[in-house]
N, C-alpha and C. Protein backbone atom coordinates (compact mmCIF):
# COMPACT_ATOMS: atom_id res chain seq x y z
N MET A 1 -76.79 70.20 57.03
CA MET A 1 -76.34 69.44 56.02
C MET A 1 -75.77 68.09 56.06
N SER A 2 -76.23 67.31 55.34
CA SER A 2 -75.58 65.78 55.55
C SER A 2 -74.25 65.72 55.07
N HIS A 3 -73.93 64.64 55.72
CA HIS A 3 -72.45 64.03 55.31
C HIS A 3 -72.42 64.06 53.92
N ILE A 4 -73.09 63.45 52.99
CA ILE A 4 -72.99 63.50 51.52
C ILE A 4 -73.02 64.54 50.97
N SER A 5 -73.77 65.49 51.33
CA SER A 5 -73.82 66.85 50.83
C SER A 5 -72.35 67.44 51.12
N LYS A 6 -71.95 67.47 52.32
CA LYS A 6 -70.78 68.18 52.57
C LYS A 6 -69.50 67.49 51.89
N THR A 7 -69.49 66.25 51.56
CA THR A 7 -68.62 65.74 50.72
C THR A 7 -68.67 66.13 49.13
N VAL A 8 -69.80 66.01 48.80
CA VAL A 8 -70.08 66.65 47.17
C VAL A 8 -69.61 67.98 47.31
N ALA A 9 -69.93 68.84 48.16
CA ALA A 9 -69.50 70.27 48.12
C ALA A 9 -67.92 70.36 48.13
N LYS A 10 -67.40 69.41 49.19
CA LYS A 10 -66.10 69.69 49.08
C LYS A 10 -65.22 69.15 47.96
N ILE A 11 -65.78 68.04 47.04
CA ILE A 11 -65.23 67.65 45.77
C ILE A 11 -65.23 68.76 44.72
N ILE A 12 -66.68 69.41 44.74
CA ILE A 12 -66.89 70.45 43.59
C ILE A 12 -65.83 71.44 43.97
N HIS A 13 -65.84 72.01 45.37
CA HIS A 13 -64.70 73.12 45.79
C HIS A 13 -63.33 72.80 45.16
N GLN A 14 -63.09 71.40 45.29
CA GLN A 14 -61.49 71.21 44.83
C GLN A 14 -61.55 71.27 43.42
N LEU A 15 -62.48 70.67 42.46
CA LEU A 15 -62.69 70.97 41.21
C LEU A 15 -62.44 72.28 40.73
N TYR A 16 -63.14 73.20 41.35
CA TYR A 16 -63.06 74.49 41.16
C TYR A 16 -61.96 75.38 41.59
N ASN A 17 -61.04 74.72 42.36
CA ASN A 17 -59.96 75.20 43.05
C ASN A 17 -59.78 76.71 43.20
N ASP A 18 -60.77 77.24 43.78
CA ASP A 18 -60.89 78.78 44.13
C ASP A 18 -60.72 79.64 42.86
N GLY A 19 -61.48 79.31 42.02
CA GLY A 19 -61.35 79.98 40.65
C GLY A 19 -60.31 79.59 39.50
N ASP A 20 -59.33 78.88 39.93
CA ASP A 20 -58.56 78.18 39.04
C ASP A 20 -58.71 76.89 38.60
N LEU A 21 -59.82 76.95 37.79
CA LEU A 21 -60.71 75.53 37.34
C LEU A 21 -59.79 74.60 36.84
N ASP A 22 -59.80 73.12 37.18
CA ASP A 22 -59.12 72.09 36.71
C ASP A 22 -60.12 71.91 35.41
N LYS A 23 -59.94 72.39 34.22
CA LYS A 23 -60.74 72.37 33.15
C LYS A 23 -60.88 71.20 32.43
N GLY A 24 -59.58 70.30 32.49
CA GLY A 24 -59.44 69.11 31.94
C GLY A 24 -60.34 68.00 32.64
N THR A 25 -60.17 68.14 33.88
CA THR A 25 -60.93 67.05 34.85
C THR A 25 -62.51 67.28 34.51
N LEU A 26 -63.05 68.63 34.79
CA LEU A 26 -64.45 68.96 34.57
C LEU A 26 -64.89 68.53 33.05
N ALA A 27 -64.27 68.79 32.29
CA ALA A 27 -64.59 68.25 30.77
C ALA A 27 -64.66 66.95 30.74
N LYS A 28 -63.73 66.03 31.30
CA LYS A 28 -64.11 64.63 31.19
C LYS A 28 -65.01 64.11 32.27
N LEU A 29 -65.47 64.75 33.11
CA LEU A 29 -66.66 64.44 34.06
C LEU A 29 -67.73 64.68 33.26
N ARG A 30 -67.99 66.02 32.53
CA ARG A 30 -68.99 66.38 31.85
C ARG A 30 -69.52 65.10 30.79
N THR A 31 -68.45 64.81 30.07
CA THR A 31 -68.61 63.81 29.18
C THR A 31 -68.77 62.12 29.47
N ALA A 32 -68.59 61.88 30.71
CA ALA A 32 -68.79 60.69 31.41
C ALA A 32 -70.04 60.34 31.37
N ASN A 33 -70.59 58.99 31.10
CA ASN A 33 -71.94 58.51 31.25
C ASN A 33 -72.02 57.65 32.44
N SER A 34 -70.92 57.45 33.25
CA SER A 34 -71.08 56.62 34.33
C SER A 34 -69.70 56.86 35.29
N LEU A 35 -69.76 56.52 36.59
CA LEU A 35 -68.38 56.64 37.01
C LEU A 35 -67.47 55.34 36.83
N LEU A 36 -67.97 54.61 36.00
CA LEU A 36 -67.17 53.57 35.41
C LEU A 36 -66.65 53.81 34.19
N SER A 37 -66.95 54.84 33.57
CA SER A 37 -66.50 55.32 32.12
C SER A 37 -64.87 55.82 32.01
N ARG A 38 -64.30 55.56 30.95
CA ARG A 38 -62.94 55.84 30.82
C ARG A 38 -62.84 57.24 31.25
N ASP A 39 -63.64 58.02 30.90
CA ASP A 39 -63.37 59.62 31.18
C ASP A 39 -63.54 59.92 32.65
N ALA A 40 -64.34 59.27 33.29
CA ALA A 40 -64.61 59.42 34.80
C ALA A 40 -63.38 58.90 35.73
N THR A 41 -62.52 58.24 34.89
CA THR A 41 -61.30 57.86 35.73
C THR A 41 -60.46 59.07 36.10
N ALA A 42 -60.65 59.89 35.40
CA ALA A 42 -59.92 61.23 36.00
C ALA A 42 -60.34 61.82 37.22
N ILE A 43 -61.52 61.69 37.70
CA ILE A 43 -61.88 62.12 38.96
C ILE A 43 -61.76 60.91 40.18
N TRP A 44 -61.51 59.83 39.92
CA TRP A 44 -61.19 58.76 40.78
C TRP A 44 -60.35 59.24 41.79
N PRO A 45 -59.42 59.57 41.62
CA PRO A 45 -58.46 60.10 43.05
C PRO A 45 -59.05 60.84 43.77
N LEU A 46 -59.75 61.92 43.23
CA LEU A 46 -60.56 63.01 44.10
C LEU A 46 -61.62 62.24 44.94
N LEU A 47 -62.42 61.38 44.24
CA LEU A 47 -63.41 60.79 44.80
C LEU A 47 -62.83 59.90 45.96
N PHE A 48 -62.00 58.94 45.81
CA PHE A 48 -61.42 58.24 46.80
C PHE A 48 -60.78 58.91 47.86
N GLU A 49 -60.18 60.18 47.53
CA GLU A 49 -59.71 61.14 48.72
C GLU A 49 -60.80 61.49 49.59
N ASN A 50 -61.96 61.90 49.12
CA ASN A 50 -62.98 62.35 50.00
C ASN A 50 -64.00 61.47 50.52
N ILE A 51 -63.97 60.34 49.89
CA ILE A 51 -65.08 59.26 50.34
C ILE A 51 -64.73 58.39 51.56
N GLU A 52 -65.52 58.19 52.40
CA GLU A 52 -64.93 57.40 53.60
C GLU A 52 -65.94 56.19 53.60
N ASP A 53 -65.38 55.15 54.20
CA ASP A 53 -66.14 53.99 54.54
C ASP A 53 -66.18 53.72 56.21
N LYS A 54 -66.46 52.84 56.69
CA LYS A 54 -66.65 52.72 58.27
C LYS A 54 -65.30 52.66 58.74
N HIS A 55 -64.20 52.20 57.72
CA HIS A 55 -62.69 52.03 58.20
C HIS A 55 -62.02 53.34 58.13
N GLY A 56 -62.45 54.25 57.41
CA GLY A 56 -61.83 55.59 57.19
C GLY A 56 -61.76 55.86 55.78
N PRO A 57 -60.83 56.99 55.24
CA PRO A 57 -60.80 57.07 53.77
C PRO A 57 -60.54 56.07 53.13
N LEU A 58 -61.03 56.08 51.86
CA LEU A 58 -60.54 54.86 50.85
C LEU A 58 -59.54 55.41 50.07
N SER A 59 -58.73 54.45 49.58
CA SER A 59 -57.37 54.83 48.95
C SER A 59 -57.24 53.93 47.69
N ILE A 60 -56.56 54.12 46.61
CA ILE A 60 -56.19 53.53 45.34
C ILE A 60 -54.97 52.69 45.74
N LYS A 61 -55.13 51.53 45.41
CA LYS A 61 -53.72 50.55 45.93
C LYS A 61 -53.51 49.84 44.63
């Protein structure tokens, strides 16, 4: 499994929260037409928490 696949799987697992769905975030993600849309901002913290660059995890500052 590639690094990207593992990261995406981890994010999906966090959204589904072991059966206790984060329905609000999932609904916003479904209606978002890009990662820059207003609805997608609900998932940004989760993305930044799980995506790393060459210097380590990204963060929102």
